[in-house]
Amino acid sequence: MAYRGIQSRKYMPHMFQLNYKHPPISYQGEAASALAVGSGLATGGFAMALFGSWWIWDISSLSEFSAKLRKLMGQNPETLDDSLSNMPLDKDTSEVIGQIEALMNKK
């Protein structure tokens, strides 16, 4: 049975045919696959660079990003520091800060 399976898959060239038969390839499928992989890699690299730079510069929201960008552009840093320190905290952050302060006050 294995011998018949091998014989049915074996390529037997006729006279004046090449010994090697090229496998069927869809060039449109290859191009679409290459486009998808390239787009994914480019998008992933851009996102990693963007969020990595935000992490390095300690930016956690878009308002912080705009404030730090304005500071880099040369606007008045005193008003920017006040706006950053008076920013409202979200619920989770305020809970964590409250727990840390409670632990610090116990000691």
Protein backbone atom coordinates (compact mmCIF):
# COMPACT_ATOMS: atom_id res chain seq x y z
CA MET A 1 0.00 0.00 0.00
CA ALA A 2 2.85 2.41 0.81
CA TYR A 3 4.53 1.50 -2.47
CA ARG A 4 1.37 2.42 -4.43
CA GLY A 5 1.16 5.75 -2.56
CA ILE A 6 4.74 6.56 -3.47
CA GLN A 7 4.23 5.54 -7.08
CA SER A 8 1.12 7.73 -7.42
CA ARG A 9 2.99 10.78 -6.10
CA LYS A 10 6.13 10.15 -8.12
CA TYR A 11 6.64 12.45 -11.09
CA MET A 12 7.43 10.56 -14.25
CA PRO A 13 8.52 12.92 -17.06
CA HIS A 14 7.76 12.09 -20.66
CA MET A 15 10.21 12.57 -23.47
CA PHE A 16 11.59 16.13 -23.74
CA GLN A 17 10.14 17.15 -20.36
CA LEU A 18 12.23 18.42 -17.49
CA ASN A 19 13.20 16.08 -14.70
CA TYR A 20 11.95 18.54 -12.07
CA LYS A 21 8.38 19.73 -11.93
CA HIS A 22 7.93 23.08 -10.21
CA PRO A 23 5.47 23.00 -7.33
CA PRO A 24 2.28 24.98 -7.90
CA ILE A 25 2.65 28.40 -6.27
CA SER A 26 0.12 31.18 -6.04
CA TYR A 27 2.12 34.35 -6.58
CA GLN A 28 -0.84 36.50 -5.53
CA GLY A 29 -1.07 34.57 -2.27
CA GLU A 30 2.65 34.99 -1.68
CA ALA A 31 2.40 38.74 -2.36
CA ALA A 32 -0.60 39.11 -0.04
CA SER A 33 1.18 37.16 2.68
CA ALA A 34 4.32 39.28 2.31
CA LEU A 35 2.23 42.46 2.45
CA ALA A 36 0.43 41.31 5.60
CA VAL A 37 3.65 40.28 7.34
CA GLY A 38 5.43 43.50 6.35
CA SER A 39 2.52 45.67 7.49
CA GLY A 40 2.32 43.81 10.79
CA LEU A 41 6.04 44.18 11.43
CA ALA A 42 6.02 47.88 10.55
CA THR A 43 2.98 48.58 12.74
CA GLY A 44 4.40 46.56 15.62
CA GLY A 45 7.78 48.28 15.39
CA PHE A 46 6.20 51.72 15.32
CA ALA A 47 3.94 50.93 18.29
CA MET A 48 6.84 49.45 20.26
CA ALA A 49 8.98 52.54 19.62
CA LEU A 50 6.13 54.89 20.53
CA PHE A 51 5.08 53.19 23.76
CA GLY A 52 8.70 52.46 24.71
CA SER A 53 9.60 56.13 24.41
CA TRP A 54 6.52 57.06 26.47
CA TRP A 55 7.61 54.56 29.12
CA ILE A 56 11.15 55.96 29.20
CA TRP A 57 9.87 59.55 29.50
CA ASP A 58 7.33 58.52 32.20
CA ILE A 59 4.24 59.49 30.20
CA SER A 60 1.05 57.69 31.18
CA SER A 61 -1.65 59.72 29.42
CA LEU A 62 -2.13 61.89 26.37
CA SER A 63 -2.48 65.03 28.50
CA GLU A 64 0.93 64.34 30.07
CA PHE A 65 2.34 63.82 26.58
CA SER A 66 0.99 67.15 25.35
CA ALA A 67 2.25 68.94 28.48
CA LYS A 68 5.76 67.49 28.15
CA LEU A 69 5.77 68.25 24.43
CA ARG A 70 4.80 71.87 25.15
CA LYS A 71 7.59 72.03 27.72
CA LEU A 72 10.08 70.74 25.15
CA MET A 73 8.81 73.34 22.66
CA GLY A 74 9.62 76.13 25.10
CA GLN A 75 6.33 77.14 26.69
CA ASN A 76 6.18 78.41 30.27
CA PRO A 77 7.25 75.48 32.53
CA GLU A 78 5.69 76.94 35.73
CA THR A 79 2.15 76.67 34.41
CA LEU A 80 2.89 73.22 33.03
CA ASP A 81 4.10 71.90 36.39
CA ASP A 82 0.94 73.18 38.07
CA SER A 83 -1.25 71.56 35.44
CA LEU A 84 0.59 68.23 35.81
CA SER A 85 0.40 68.21 39.60
CA ASN A 86 -3.30 69.15 39.65
CA MET A 87 -4.38 66.49 37.17
CA PRO A 88 -7.20 64.27 38.44
CA LEU A 89 -6.28 60.67 39.23
CA ASP A 90 -8.29 57.74 38.04
CA LYS A 91 -10.05 55.45 40.51
CA ASP A 92 -7.45 52.64 40.52
CA THR A 93 -4.50 54.98 40.98
CA SER A 94 -6.16 56.84 43.83
CA GLU A 95 -6.94 53.51 45.57
CA VAL A 96 -3.32 52.36 45.28
CA ILE A 97 -2.02 55.69 46.59
CA GLY A 98 -4.49 55.52 49.49
CA GLN A 99 -3.34 52.00 50.40
CA ILE A 100 0.33 53.01 50.27
CA GLU A 101 -0.33 56.05 52.46
CA ALA A 102 -2.26 53.87 54.94
CA LEU A 103 0.70 51.46 55.14
CA MET A 104 3.14 54.32 55.64
CA ASN A 105 1.02 55.84 58.43
CA LYS A 106 0.83 52.52 60.33
CA LYS A 107 4.59 52.35 60.84
